[in-house]
Protein backbone atom coordinates (compact mmCIF):
# COMPACT_ATOMS: atom_id res chain seq x y z
CA MET A 1 71.32 100.05 104.71
CA SER A 2 73.84 97.55 103.44
CA ASN A 3 74.67 94.41 105.43
CA LEU A 4 77.92 94.02 103.52
CA PRO A 5 81.20 94.52 105.40
CA ALA A 6 81.94 98.26 105.29
CA VAL A 7 85.26 99.48 103.96
CA THR A 8 86.41 103.05 104.57
CA ASP A 9 89.09 105.38 103.23
CA ALA A 10 91.25 104.22 106.16
CA THR A 11 90.72 100.46 105.66
CA PHE A 12 90.53 100.24 101.85
CA GLU A 13 94.14 99.30 101.25
CA ALA A 14 94.20 96.49 103.82
CA GLU A 15 90.70 95.15 103.06
CA VAL A 16 90.68 95.44 99.27
CA LEU A 17 94.09 96.08 97.72
CA GLN A 18 95.89 93.56 99.95
CA SER A 19 93.11 90.95 99.96
CA PRO A 20 94.20 87.45 98.90
CA LEU A 21 90.79 86.99 97.23
CA PRO A 22 89.39 88.94 94.30
CA THR A 23 87.21 91.62 95.90
CA LEU A 24 83.99 93.16 94.63
CA VAL A 25 83.53 96.68 96.00
CA ASP A 26 80.00 98.07 95.95
CA PHE A 27 80.12 101.88 95.87
CA TRP A 28 76.79 103.10 97.24
CA ALA A 29 75.01 105.72 99.37
CA GLU A 30 72.01 105.48 101.70
CA TRP A 31 70.03 108.07 99.68
CA CYS A 32 70.53 106.26 96.34
CA GLY A 33 67.36 104.44 95.19
CA PRO A 34 69.09 102.21 92.59
CA CYS A 35 71.69 101.30 95.25
CA ARG A 36 68.89 99.99 97.48
CA MET A 37 67.74 97.82 94.57
CA VAL A 38 71.17 96.31 93.91
CA THR A 39 72.25 95.83 97.56
CA PRO A 40 70.22 92.61 98.14
CA VAL A 41 71.62 91.15 94.91
CA ILE A 42 75.19 91.92 95.97
CA GLU A 43 74.53 90.55 99.46
CA SER A 44 73.25 87.31 97.89
CA LEU A 45 76.34 87.15 95.71
CA GLY A 46 78.55 87.47 98.79
CA GLU A 47 76.63 84.78 100.68
CA LYS A 48 76.70 82.39 97.73
CA HIS A 49 80.31 82.92 96.57
CA GLY A 50 82.09 84.30 99.65
CA GLU A 51 84.75 81.59 99.64
CA LYS A 52 85.98 82.72 96.18
CA LEU A 53 85.01 86.40 96.02
CA LYS A 54 85.20 88.88 98.88
CA VAL A 55 82.29 91.33 98.75
CA VAL A 56 82.41 94.69 100.57
CA ALA A 57 80.73 98.11 100.43
CA VAL A 58 82.03 101.68 100.39
CA ASP A 59 79.60 104.48 101.31
CA VAL A 60 80.68 107.21 98.88
CA GLN A 61 79.20 109.98 101.01
CA ASP A 62 81.44 109.09 103.97
CA ASN A 63 84.48 107.92 101.97
CA VAL A 64 85.07 110.53 99.31
CA GLU A 65 88.81 109.81 99.00
CA VAL A 66 88.37 106.23 97.72
CA ALA A 67 85.44 107.14 95.50
CA THR A 68 87.41 109.99 93.94
CA ARG A 69 90.58 107.89 93.50
CA TYR A 70 88.67 105.33 91.44
CA GLY A 71 86.57 107.80 89.44
CA ILE A 72 83.19 106.89 90.90
CA LEU A 73 80.88 109.54 89.45
CA ASN A 74 77.63 107.55 89.36
CA ILE A 75 76.28 104.97 91.77
CA PRO A 76 75.62 102.13 92.11
CA ALA A 77 79.00 101.15 90.78
CA MET A 78 80.96 97.97 91.40
CA LEU A 79 84.66 97.43 90.92
CA VAL A 80 86.41 94.08 91.14
CA PHE A 81 89.98 94.20 92.39
CA SER A 82 92.48 91.39 92.10
CA GLN A 83 96.03 91.66 93.42
CA GLY A 84 95.52 95.39 94.01
CA GLU A 85 94.35 96.18 90.46
CA ILE A 86 90.91 96.89 88.99
CA VAL A 87 90.00 93.95 86.78
CA LYS A 88 86.30 94.73 86.15
CA ARG A 89 83.89 97.69 86.32
CA ILE A 90 80.12 97.26 86.51
CA GLN A 91 77.72 100.20 86.49
CA GLY A 92 74.08 100.00 87.59
CA TYR A 93 71.67 97.24 88.55
CA ARG A 94 71.99 93.62 87.43
CA PRO A 95 69.87 90.64 88.56
CA LEU A 96 71.87 87.95 90.39
CA GLY A 97 72.14 85.59 87.40
CA LYS A 98 73.44 88.34 85.11
CA LEU A 99 75.90 89.55 87.75
CA GLU A 100 77.16 85.99 88.21
CA GLN A 101 77.69 85.70 84.44
CA GLU A 102 79.66 88.95 84.36
CA LEU A 103 81.77 87.82 87.32
CA ALA A 104 82.21 84.19 86.22
CA ASP A 105 86.00 84.56 85.98
CA TYR A 106 86.14 85.33 89.72
CA LEU A 107 83.55 82.84 91.06
């Protein structure tokens, strides 16, 4: 179970596309083993860099519309949105240091 703020099909536009901060969206599902590995890393990222990067989660099983709209075929997947546009795609697990390197432009 993710402790990240949950975003749904209904709240995605307001929480992500209209966010004043760059926003990392973690696309995950409860049954996904690799997602359970990456969730603590993403939670740490949010705690450490929350003033510069908003970090949220979308459960793809319950929010098929958003997952389909952004072509999420494999999870875990992370998209970074800035000013309503996708600016970065990350697929699969990364340790915190590597994830911070990949997201340095937004931290």
